[in-house]
């Protein structure tokens, strides 16, 4: 299953957020442990941890690169990941190597 949607940004980074399918599988999200800006992420390695109604797990990154932005509001409002809007349910932006 694809947990993340990906959207190319004007600055060349890629924004990642939770797909509707992931939201349905996880249920209401109650807690997230996000990466830090500057962290290196690797495809198929943990990107962040989530505690939800139906599961507690690490979600693996779909891409490799450096974290450039983190949706900081998720630390206090993890329920934003349950939102259908990509303006609310994004997690990080990543700069991929060329």
PDB file of N, CA and C in Angstrom:
ATOM      1  N   UNK A   1       0.835  -1.185   0.000  1.00  0.00           N
ATOM      2  CA  UNK A   1       0.000   0.000   0.000  1.00  0.00           C
ATOM      3  C   UNK A   1       0.878   1.246   0.000  1.00  0.00           C
ATOM      4  N   UNK A   2       0.438   2.250  -0.730  1.00  0.00           N
ATOM      5  CA  UNK A   2       1.144   3.531  -0.741  1.00  0.00           C
ATOM      6  C   UNK A   2       0.618   4.386   0.414  1.00  0.00           C
ATOM      7  N   UNK A   3       1.473   4.630   1.395  1.00  0.00           N
ATOM      8  CA  UNK A   3       1.074   5.449   2.537  1.00  0.00           C
ATOM      9  C   UNK A   3       1.141   6.939   2.221  1.00  0.00           C
ATOM     10  N   UNK A   4       1.982   7.315   1.245  1.00  0.00           N
ATOM     11  CA  UNK A   4       2.242   8.728   0.997  1.00  0.00           C
ATOM     12  C   UNK A   4       1.855   9.179  -0.395  1.00  0.00           C
ATOM     13  N   UNK A   5       1.290  10.384  -0.468  1.00  0.00           N
ATOM     14  CA  UNK A   5       1.203  11.074  -1.744  1.00  0.00           C
ATOM     15  C   UNK A   5       2.463  11.925  -1.849  1.00  0.00           C
ATOM     16  N   UNK A   6       2.866  12.229  -3.078  1.00  0.00           N
ATOM     17  CA  UNK A   6       4.053  13.041  -3.328  1.00  0.00           C
ATOM     18  C   UNK A   6       3.671  14.170  -4.272  1.00  0.00           C
ATOM     19  N   UNK A   7       4.183  15.366  -3.983  1.00  0.00           N
ATOM     20  CA  UNK A   7       3.901  16.520  -4.830  1.00  0.00           C
ATOM     21  C   UNK A   7       5.184  17.318  -5.016  1.00  0.00           C
ATOM     22  N   UNK A   8       5.596  17.493  -6.274  1.00  0.00           N
ATOM     23  CA  UNK A   8       6.781  18.290  -6.572  1.00  0.00           C
ATOM     24  C   UNK A   8       6.480  19.757  -6.280  1.00  0.00           C
ATOM     25  N   UNK A   9       7.400  20.428  -5.591  1.00  0.00           N
ATOM     26  CA  UNK A   9       7.244  21.839  -5.252  1.00  0.00           C
ATOM     27  C   UNK A   9       8.057  22.703  -6.220  1.00  0.00           C
ATOM     28  N   UNK A  10       7.727  23.992  -6.295  1.00  0.00           N
ATOM     29  CA  UNK A  10       8.406  24.916  -7.204  1.00  0.00           C
ATOM     30  C   UNK A  10       9.905  25.011  -6.913  1.00  0.00           C
ATOM     31  N   UNK A  11      10.297  24.803  -5.648  1.00  0.00           N
ATOM     32  CA  UNK A  11      11.718  24.905  -5.278  1.00  0.00           C
ATOM     33  C   UNK A  11      12.497  23.614  -5.528  1.00  0.00           C
ATOM     34  N   UNK A  12      11.838  22.621  -6.131  1.00  0.00           N
ATOM     35  CA  UNK A  12      12.519  21.366  -6.450  1.00  0.00           C
ATOM     36  C   UNK A  12      12.421  20.304  -5.369  1.00  0.00           C
ATOM     37  N   UNK A  13      11.835  20.642  -4.226  1.00  0.00           N
ATOM     38  CA  UNK A  13      11.648  19.642  -3.177  1.00  0.00           C
ATOM     39  C   UNK A  13      10.376  18.838  -3.458  1.00  0.00           C
ATOM     40  N   UNK A  14      10.219  17.751  -2.711  1.00  0.00           N
ATOM     41  CA  UNK A  14       9.026  16.917  -2.830  1.00  0.00           C
ATOM     42  C   UNK A  14       8.295  16.920  -1.499  1.00  0.00           C
ATOM     43  N   UNK A  15       7.017  17.281  -1.540  1.00  0.00           N
ATOM     44  CA  UNK A  15       6.186  17.279  -0.333  1.00  0.00           C
ATOM     45  C   UNK A  15       5.539  15.907  -0.209  1.00  0.00           C
ATOM     46  N   UNK A  16       5.543  15.355   1.011  1.00  0.00           N
ATOM     47  CA  UNK A  16       4.942  14.055   1.295  1.00  0.00           C
ATOM     48  C   UNK A  16       3.813  14.212   2.303  1.00  0.00           C
ATOM     49  N   UNK A  17       2.729  13.490   2.072  1.00  0.00           N
ATOM     50  CA  UNK A  17       1.614  13.484   3.005  1.00  0.00           C
ATOM     51  C   UNK A  17       0.912  12.141   2.974  1.00  0.00           C
ATOM     52  N   UNK A  18      -0.021  11.944   3.882  1.00  0.00           N
ATOM     53  CA  UNK A  18      -0.717  10.657   3.982  1.00  0.00           C
ATOM     54  C   UNK A  18      -1.834  10.535   2.958  1.00  0.00           C
ATOM     55  N   UNK A  19      -1.883   9.392   2.289  1.00  0.00           N
ATOM     56  CA  UNK A  19      -2.957   9.113   1.341  1.00  0.00           C
ATOM     57  C   UNK A  19      -4.250   8.786   2.092  1.00  0.00           C
ATOM     58  N   UNK A  20      -5.356   8.877   1.382  1.00  0.00           N
ATOM     59  CA  UNK A  20      -6.651   8.499   1.950  1.00  0.00           C
ATOM     60  C   UNK A  20      -6.629   7.040   2.384  1.00  0.00           C
ATOM     61  N   UNK A  21      -5.988   6.198   1.586  1.00  0.00           N
ATOM     62  CA  UNK A  21      -5.878   4.771   1.905  1.00  0.00           C
ATOM     63  C   UNK A  21      -5.161   4.569   3.243  1.00  0.00           C
ATOM     64  N   UNK A  22      -4.078   5.307   3.459  1.00  0.00           N
ATOM     65  CA  UNK A  22      -3.339   5.209   4.722  1.00  0.00           C
ATOM     66  C   UNK A  22      -4.197   5.698   5.885  1.00  0.00           C
ATOM     67  N   UNK A  23      -4.921   6.797   5.672  1.00  0.00           N
ATOM     68  CA  UNK A  23      -5.789   7.322   6.724  1.00  0.00           C
ATOM     69  C   UNK A  23      -6.822   6.283   7.145  1.00  0.00           C
ATOM     70  N   UNK A  24      -7.399   5.598   6.161  1.00  0.00           N
ATOM     71  CA  UNK A  24      -8.415   4.590   6.461  1.00  0.00           C
ATOM     72  C   UNK A  24      -7.818   3.387   7.193  1.00  0.00           C
ATOM     73  N   UNK A  25      -6.621   2.966   6.788  1.00  0.00           N
ATOM     74  CA  UNK A  25      -5.994   1.810   7.428  1.00  0.00           C
ATOM     75  C   UNK A  25      -5.568   2.110   8.863  1.00  0.00           C
ATOM     76  N   UNK A  26      -5.082   3.326   9.110  1.00  0.00           N
ATOM     77  CA  UNK A  26      -4.574   3.686  10.432  1.00  0.00           C
ATOM     78  C   UNK A  26      -5.675   4.093  11.407  1.00  0.00           C
ATOM     79  N   UNK A  27      -6.739   4.683  10.913  1.00  0.00           N
ATOM     80  CA  UNK A  27      -7.756   5.234  11.798  1.00  0.00           C
ATOM     81  C   UNK A  27      -7.298   6.582  12.345  1.00  0.00           C
ATOM     82  N   UNK A  28      -7.965   7.061  13.380  1.00  0.00           N
ATOM     83  CA  UNK A  28      -7.638   8.371  13.947  1.00  0.00           C
ATOM     84  C   UNK A  28      -6.201   8.390  14.466  1.00  0.00           C
ATOM     85  N   UNK A  29      -5.437   9.362  14.020  1.00  0.00           N
ATOM     86  CA  UNK A  29      -4.038   9.485  14.437  1.00  0.00           C
ATOM     87  C   UNK A  29      -3.983  10.317  15.708  1.00  0.00           C
ATOM     88  N   UNK A  30      -3.253   9.784  16.705  1.00  0.00           N
ATOM     89  CA  UNK A  30      -3.220  10.399  18.032  1.00  0.00           C
ATOM     90  C   UNK A  30      -1.857  10.983  18.388  1.00  0.00           C
ATOM     91  N   UNK A  31      -0.789  10.490  17.748  1.00  0.00           N
ATOM     92  CA  UNK A  31       0.568  10.939  18.084  1.00  0.00           C
ATOM     93  C   UNK A  31       1.486  10.686  16.900  1.00  0.00           C
ATOM     94  N   UNK A  32       2.421  11.619  16.662  1.00  0.00           N
ATOM     95  CA  UNK A  32       3.449  11.417  15.638  1.00  0.00           C
ATOM     96  C   UNK A  32       4.807  11.799  16.208  1.00  0.00           C
ATOM     97  N   UNK A  33       5.830  11.079  15.786  1.00  0.00           N
ATOM     98  CA  UNK A  33       7.219  11.385  16.128  1.00  0.00           C
ATOM     99  C   UNK A  33       7.902  11.726  14.812  1.00  0.00           C
ATOM    100  N   UNK A  34       8.056  13.031  14.558  1.00  0.00           N
ATOM    101  CA  UNK A  34       8.520  13.523  13.261  1.00  0.00           C
ATOM    102  C   UNK A  34      10.038  13.601  13.180  1.00  0.00           C
ATOM    103  N   UNK A  35      10.578  13.545  11.958  1.00  0.00           N
ATOM    104  CA  UNK A  35      12.015  13.758  11.790  1.00  0.00           C
ATOM    105  C   UNK A  35      12.333  15.240  12.004  1.00  0.00           C
ATOM    106  N   UNK A  36      13.611  15.558  12.086  1.00  0.00           N
ATOM    107  CA  UNK A  36      14.053  16.941  12.232  1.00  0.00           C
ATOM    108  C   UNK A  36      14.480  17.493  10.881  1.00  0.00           C
ATOM    109  N   UNK A  37      14.378  18.806  10.731  1.00  0.00           N
ATOM    110  CA  UNK A  37      14.899  19.456   9.532  1.00  0.00           C
ATOM    111  C   UNK A  37      16.388  19.146   9.455  1.00  0.00           C
ATOM    112  N   UNK A  38      16.843  18.768   8.270  1.00  0.00           N
ATOM    113  CA  UNK A  38      18.244  18.416   8.069  1.00  0.00           C
ATOM    114  C   UNK A  38      18.511  16.927   8.133  1.00  0.00           C
ATOM    115  N   UNK A  39      17.574  16.156   8.686  1.00  0.00           N
ATOM    116  CA  UNK A  39      17.747  14.698   8.740  1.00  0.00           C
ATOM    117  C   UNK A  39      17.815  14.118   7.332  1.00  0.00           C
ATOM    118  N   UNK A  40      18.618  13.079   7.186  1.00  0.00           N
ATOM    119  CA  UNK A  40      18.661  12.323   5.937  1.00  0.00           C
ATOM    120  C   UNK A  40      17.642  11.195   6.040  1.00  0.00           C
ATOM    121  N   UNK A  41      16.863  11.023   4.982  1.00  0.00           N
ATOM    122  CA  UNK A  41      15.905   9.918   4.931  1.00  0.00           C
ATOM    123  C   UNK A  41      16.252   9.038   3.742  1.00  0.00           C
ATOM    124  N   UNK A  42      15.967   7.754   3.888  1.00  0.00           N
ATOM    125  CA  UNK A  42      16.308   6.767   2.863  1.00  0.00           C
ATOM    126  C   UNK A  42      15.069   5.966   2.506  1.00  0.00           C
ATOM    127  N   UNK A  43      14.908   5.715   1.214  1.00  0.00           N
ATOM    128  CA  UNK A  43      13.763   4.941   0.755  1.00  0.00           C
ATOM    129  C   UNK A  43      13.704   3.606   1.497  1.00  0.00           C
ATOM    130  N   UNK A  44      12.510   3.220   1.919  1.00  0.00           N
ATOM    131  CA  UNK A  44      12.233   1.976   2.640  1.00  0.00           C
ATOM    132  C   UNK A  44      12.823   1.924   4.047  1.00  0.00           C
ATOM    133  N   UNK A  45      13.259   3.075   4.575  1.00  0.00           N
ATOM    134  CA  UNK A  45      13.699   3.189   5.966  1.00  0.00           C
ATOM    135  C   UNK A  45      12.692   4.086   6.697  1.00  0.00           C
ATOM    136  N   UNK A  46      12.553   3.955   8.029  1.00  0.00           N
ATOM    137  CA  UNK A  46      11.549   4.746   8.747  1.00  0.00           C
ATOM    138  C   UNK A  46      11.701   6.255   8.530  1.00  0.00           C
ATOM    139  N   UNK A  47      10.580   6.889   8.203  1.00  0.00           N
ATOM    140  CA  UNK A  47      10.519   8.343   8.048  1.00  0.00           C
ATOM    141  C   UNK A  47       9.991   8.975   9.336  1.00  0.00           C
ATOM    142  N   UNK A  48       8.896   8.428   9.855  1.00  0.00           N
ATOM    143  CA  UNK A  48       8.362   8.897  11.135  1.00  0.00           C
ATOM    144  C   UNK A  48       7.476   7.822  11.748  1.00  0.00           C
ATOM    145  N   UNK A  49       7.253   7.966  13.052  1.00  0.00           N
ATOM    146  CA  UNK A  49       6.423   7.007  13.786  1.00  0.00           C
ATOM    147  C   UNK A  49       5.046   7.611  14.009  1.00  0.00           C
ATOM    148  N   UNK A  50       4.050   6.744  13.999  1.00  0.00           N
ATOM    149  CA  UNK A  50       2.677   7.193  14.190  1.00  0.00           C
ATOM    150  C   UNK A  50       1.967   6.256  15.167  1.00  0.00           C
ATOM    151  N   UNK A  51       1.188   6.860  16.052  1.00  0.00           N
ATOM    152  CA  UNK A  51       0.314   6.094  16.943  1.00  0.00           C
ATOM    153  C   UNK A  51      -1.112   6.451  16.549  1.00  0.00           C
ATOM    154  N   UNK A  52      -1.845   5.440  16.114  1.00  0.00           N
ATOM    155  CA  UNK A  52      -3.198   5.671  15.621  1.00  0.00           C
ATOM    156  C   UNK A  52      -4.173   4.699  16.269  1.00  0.00           C
ATOM    157  N   UNK A  53      -5.436   4.891  15.948  1.00  0.00           N
ATOM    158  CA  UNK A  53      -6.518   4.080  16.504  1.00  0.00           C
ATOM    159  C   UNK A  53      -6.326   2.590  16.213  1.00  0.00           C
ATOM    160  N   UNK A  54      -5.854   2.268  15.004  1.00  0.00           N
ATOM    161  CA  UNK A  54      -5.761   0.870  14.584  1.00  0.00           C
ATOM    162  C   UNK A  54      -4.343   0.309  14.561  1.00  0.00           C
ATOM    163  N   UNK A  55      -3.320   1.158  14.741  1.00  0.00           N
ATOM    164  CA  UNK A  55      -1.943   0.664  14.634  1.00  0.00           C
ATOM    165  C   UNK A  55      -0.959   1.645  15.254  1.00  0.00           C
ATOM    166  N   UNK A  56       0.173   1.106  15.682  1.00  0.00           N
ATOM    167  CA  UNK A  56       1.332   1.894  16.093  1.00  0.00           C
ATOM    168  C   UNK A  56       2.479   1.383  15.243  1.00  0.00           C
ATOM    169  N   UNK A  57       3.042   2.266  14.411  1.00  0.00           N
ATOM    170  CA  UNK A  57       4.091   1.781  13.523  1.00  0.00           C
ATOM    171  C   UNK A  57       4.957   2.899  12.994  1.00  0.00           C
ATOM    172  N   UNK A  58       6.104   2.490  12.427  1.00  0.00           N
ATOM    173  CA  UNK A  58       6.980   3.394  11.699  1.00  0.00           C
ATOM    174  C   UNK A  58       6.556   3.354  10.242  1.00  0.00           C
ATOM    175  N   UNK A  59       6.430   4.526   9.638  1.00  0.00           N
ATOM    176  CA  UNK A  59       6.098   4.603   8.220  1.00  0.00           C
ATOM    177  C   UNK A  59       7.384   4.864   7.446  1.00  0.00           C
ATOM    178  N   UNK A  60       7.658   4.020   6.470  1.00  0.00           N
ATOM    179  CA  UNK A  60       8.902   4.102   5.710  1.00  0.00           C
ATOM    180  C   UNK A  60       8.825   5.158   4.616  1.00  0.00           C
ATOM    181  N   UNK A  61       9.944   5.819   4.393  1.00  0.00           N
ATOM    182  CA  UNK A  61      10.032   6.864   3.386  1.00  0.00           C
ATOM    183  C   UNK A  61       9.927   6.281   1.977  1.00  0.00           C
ATOM    184  N   UNK A  62       9.166   6.938   1.105  1.00  0.00           N
ATOM    185  CA  UNK A  62       9.095   6.488  -0.283  1.00  0.00           C
ATOM    186  C   UNK A  62      10.237   7.032  -1.139  1.00  0.00           C
ATOM    187  N   UNK A  63      11.028   7.969  -0.573  1.00  0.00           N
ATOM    188  CA  UNK A  63      12.118   8.589  -1.329  1.00  0.00           C
ATOM    189  C   UNK A  63      13.342   8.768  -0.433  1.00  0.00           C
ATOM    190  N   UNK A  64      14.475   9.061  -1.076  1.00  0.00           N
ATOM    191  CA  UNK A  64      15.726   9.343  -0.374  1.00  0.00           C
ATOM    192  C   UNK A  64      16.038  10.828  -0.513  1.00  0.00           C
ATOM    193  N   UNK A  65      16.564  11.436   0.558  1.00  0.00           N
ATOM    194  CA  UNK A  65      16.950  12.836   0.492  1.00  0.00           C
ATOM    195  C   UNK A  65      17.096  13.445   1.870  1.00  0.00           C
ATOM    196  N   UNK A  66      17.094  14.782   1.897  1.00  0.00           N
ATOM    197  CA  UNK A  66      17.257  15.532   3.138  1.00  0.00           C
ATOM    198  C   UNK A  66      15.949  16.252   3.467  1.00  0.00           C
ATOM    199  N   UNK A  67      15.529  16.161   4.722  1.00  0.00           N
ATOM    200  CA  UNK A  67      14.313  16.838   5.170  1.00  0.00           C
ATOM    201  C   UNK A  67      14.568  18.348   5.191  1.00  0.00           C
ATOM    202  N   UNK A  68      13.756  19.080   4.433  1.00  0.00           N
ATOM    203  CA  UNK A  68      13.901  20.533   4.341  1.00  0.00           C
ATOM    204  C   UNK A  68      12.852  21.272   5.174  1.00  0.00           C
ATOM    205  N   UNK A  69      11.651  20.693   5.286  1.00  0.00           N
ATOM    206  CA  UNK A  69      10.573  21.270   6.087  1.00  0.00           C
ATOM    207  C   UNK A  69       9.847  20.149   6.803  1.00  0.00           C
ATOM    208  N   UNK A  70       9.343  20.477   7.984  1.00  0.00           N
ATOM    209  CA  UNK A  70       8.516  19.547   8.753  1.00  0.00           C
ATOM    210  C   UNK A  70       7.228  20.288   9.110  1.00  0.00           C
ATOM    211  N   UNK A  71       6.102  19.619   8.989  1.00  0.00           N
ATOM    212  CA  UNK A  71       4.809  20.215   9.353  1.00  0.00           C
ATOM    213  C   UNK A  71       4.724  20.248  10.880  1.00  0.00           C
ATOM    214  N   UNK A  72       5.306  21.287  11.460  1.00  0.00           N
ATOM    215  CA  UNK A  72       5.473  21.384  12.910  1.00  0.00           C
ATOM    216  C   UNK A  72       4.154  21.334  13.674  1.00  0.00           C
ATOM    217  N   UNK A  73       3.065  21.793  13.081  1.00  0.00           N
ATOM    218  CA  UNK A  73       1.769  21.793  13.772  1.00  0.00           C
ATOM    219  C   UNK A  73       1.329  20.381  14.148  1.00  0.00           C
ATOM    220  N   UNK A  74       1.861  19.367  13.459  1.00  0.00           N
ATOM    221  CA  UNK A  74       1.475  17.984  13.754  1.00  0.00           C
ATOM    222  C   UNK A  74       1.895  17.540  15.153  1.00  0.00           C
ATOM    223  N   UNK A  75       2.941  18.147  15.699  1.00  0.00           N
ATOM    224  CA  UNK A  75       3.397  17.768  17.039  1.00  0.00           C
ATOM    225  C   UNK A  75       2.286  17.990  18.065  1.00  0.00           C
ATOM    226  N   UNK A  76       1.553  19.101  17.928  1.00  0.00           N
ATOM    227  CA  UNK A  76       0.462  19.412  18.852  1.00  0.00           C
ATOM    228  C   UNK A  76      -0.907  19.014  18.314  1.00  0.00           C
ATOM    229  N   UNK A  77      -1.003  18.843  16.993  1.00  0.00           N
ATOM    230  CA  UNK A  77      -2.283  18.513  16.360  1.00  0.00           C
ATOM    231  C   UNK A  77      -2.112  17.352  15.376  1.00  0.00           C
ATOM    232  N   UNK A  78      -1.755  16.164  15.867  1.00  0.00           N
ATOM    233  CA  UNK A  78      -1.543  15.038  14.948  1.00  0.00           C
ATOM    234  C   UNK A  78      -2.799  14.679  14.162  1.00  0.00           C
ATOM    235  N   UNK A  79      -3.957  15.097  14.673  1.00  0.00           N
ATOM    236  CA  UNK A  79      -5.204  14.803  13.970  1.00  0.00           C
ATOM    237  C   UNK A  79      -5.286  15.489  12.605  1.00  0.00           C
ATOM    238  N   UNK A  80      -4.409  16.472  12.343  1.00  0.00           N
ATOM    239  CA  UNK A  80      -4.373  17.089  11.013  1.00  0.00           C
ATOM    240  C   UNK A  80      -4.081  16.052   9.930  1.00  0.00           C
ATOM    241  N   UNK A  81      -3.384  14.971  10.302  1.00  0.00           N
ATOM    242  CA  UNK A  81      -3.096  13.913   9.322  1.00  0.00           C
ATOM    243  C   UNK A  81      -4.359  13.169   8.900  1.00  0.00           C
ATOM    244  N   UNK A  82      -5.444  13.318   9.652  1.00  0.00           N
ATOM    245  CA  UNK A  82      -6.714  12.691   9.289  1.00  0.00           C
ATOM    246  C   UNK A  82      -7.497  13.538   8.291  1.00  0.00           C
ATOM    247  N   UNK A  83      -7.039  14.778   8.062  1.00  0.00           N
ATOM    248  CA  UNK A  83      -7.736  15.696   7.166  1.00  0.00           C
ATOM    249  C   UNK A  83      -7.587  15.241   5.717  1.00  0.00           C
ATOM    250  N   UNK A  84      -8.598  15.474   4.906  1.00  0.00           N
ATOM    251  CA  UNK A  84      -8.546  15.090   3.497  1.00  0.00           C
ATOM    252  C   UNK A  84      -7.723  16.083   2.670  1.00  0.00           C
ATOM    253  N   UNK A  85      -7.535  17.288   3.176  1.00  0.00           N
ATOM    254  CA  UNK A  85      -6.836  18.340   2.445  1.00  0.00           C
ATOM    255  C   UNK A  85      -5.321  18.153   2.507  1.00  0.00           C
ATOM    256  N   UNK A  86      -4.670  18.235   1.334  1.00  0.00           N
ATOM    257  CA  UNK A  86      -3.209  18.125   1.308  1.00  0.00           C
ATOM    258  C   UNK A  86      -2.553  19.335   1.960  1.00  0.00           C
ATOM    259  N   UNK A  87      -3.286  20.426   2.142  1.00  0.00           N
ATOM    260  CA  UNK A  87      -2.745  21.584   2.853  1.00  0.00           C
ATOM    261  C   UNK A  87      -2.600  21.277   4.339  1.00  0.00           C
ATOM    262  N   UNK A  88      -3.351  20.297   4.831  1.00  0.00           N
ATOM    263  CA  UNK A  88      -3.320  19.940   6.247  1.00  0.00           C
ATOM    264  C   UNK A  88      -2.576  18.638   6.524  1.00  0.00           C
ATOM    265  N   UNK A  89      -2.662  17.650   5.630  1.00  0.00           N
ATOM    266  CA  UNK A  89      -2.143  16.313   5.959  1.00  0.00           C
ATOM    267  C   UNK A  89      -0.747  16.027   5.407  1.00  0.00           C
ATOM    268  N   UNK A  90       0.008  17.087   5.089  1.00  0.00           N
ATOM    269  CA  UNK A  90       1.385  16.853   4.667  1.00  0.00           C
ATOM    270  C   UNK A  90       2.274  16.658   5.897  1.00  0.00           C
ATOM    271  N   UNK A  91       3.411  15.981   5.692  1.00  0.00           N
ATOM    272  CA  UNK A  91       4.306  15.655   6.806  1.00  0.00           C
ATOM    273  C   UNK A  91       5.634  16.393   6.681  1.00  0.00           C
ATOM    274  N   UNK A  92       6.312  16.223   5.550  1.00  0.00           N
ATOM    275  CA  UNK A  92       7.633  16.815   5.333  1.00  0.00           C
ATOM    276  C   UNK A  92       7.796  17.205   3.866  1.00  0.00           C
ATOM    277  N   UNK A  93       8.812  18.059   3.621  1.00  0.00           N
ATOM    278  CA  UNK A  93       9.315  18.229   2.266  1.00  0.00           C
ATOM    279  C   UNK A  93      10.753  17.721   2.274  1.00  0.00           C
ATOM    280  N   UNK A  94      11.128  17.068   1.180  1.00  0.00           N
ATOM    281  CA  UNK A  94      12.434  16.417   1.074  1.00  0.00           C
ATOM    282  C   UNK A  94      13.123  16.874  -0.204  1.00  0.00           C
ATOM    283  N   UNK A  95      14.415  17.213  -0.081  1.00  0.00           N
ATOM    284  CA  UNK A  95      15.234  17.525  -1.254  1.00  0.00           C
ATOM    285  C   UNK A  95      15.956  16.249  -1.647  1.00  0.00           C
ATOM    286  N   UNK A  96      15.647  15.755  -2.839  1.00  0.00           N
ATOM    287  CA  UNK A  96      16.255  14.518  -3.316  1.00  0.00           C
ATOM    288  C   UNK A  96      17.588  14.818  -3.998  1.00  0.00           C
ATOM    289  N   UNK A  97      18.552  13.896  -3.900  1.00  0.00           N
ATOM    290  CA  UNK A  97      19.826  14.102  -4.599  1.00  0.00           C
ATOM    291  C   UNK A  97      19.593  14.066  -6.105  1.00  0.00           C
ATOM    292  N   UNK A  98      20.444  14.770  -6.825  1.00  0.00           N
ATOM    293  CA  UNK A  98      20.298  14.809  -8.294  1.00  0.00           C
ATOM    294  C   UNK A  98      20.966  13.630  -8.933  1.00  0.00           C
TER     295      UNK A  98
END
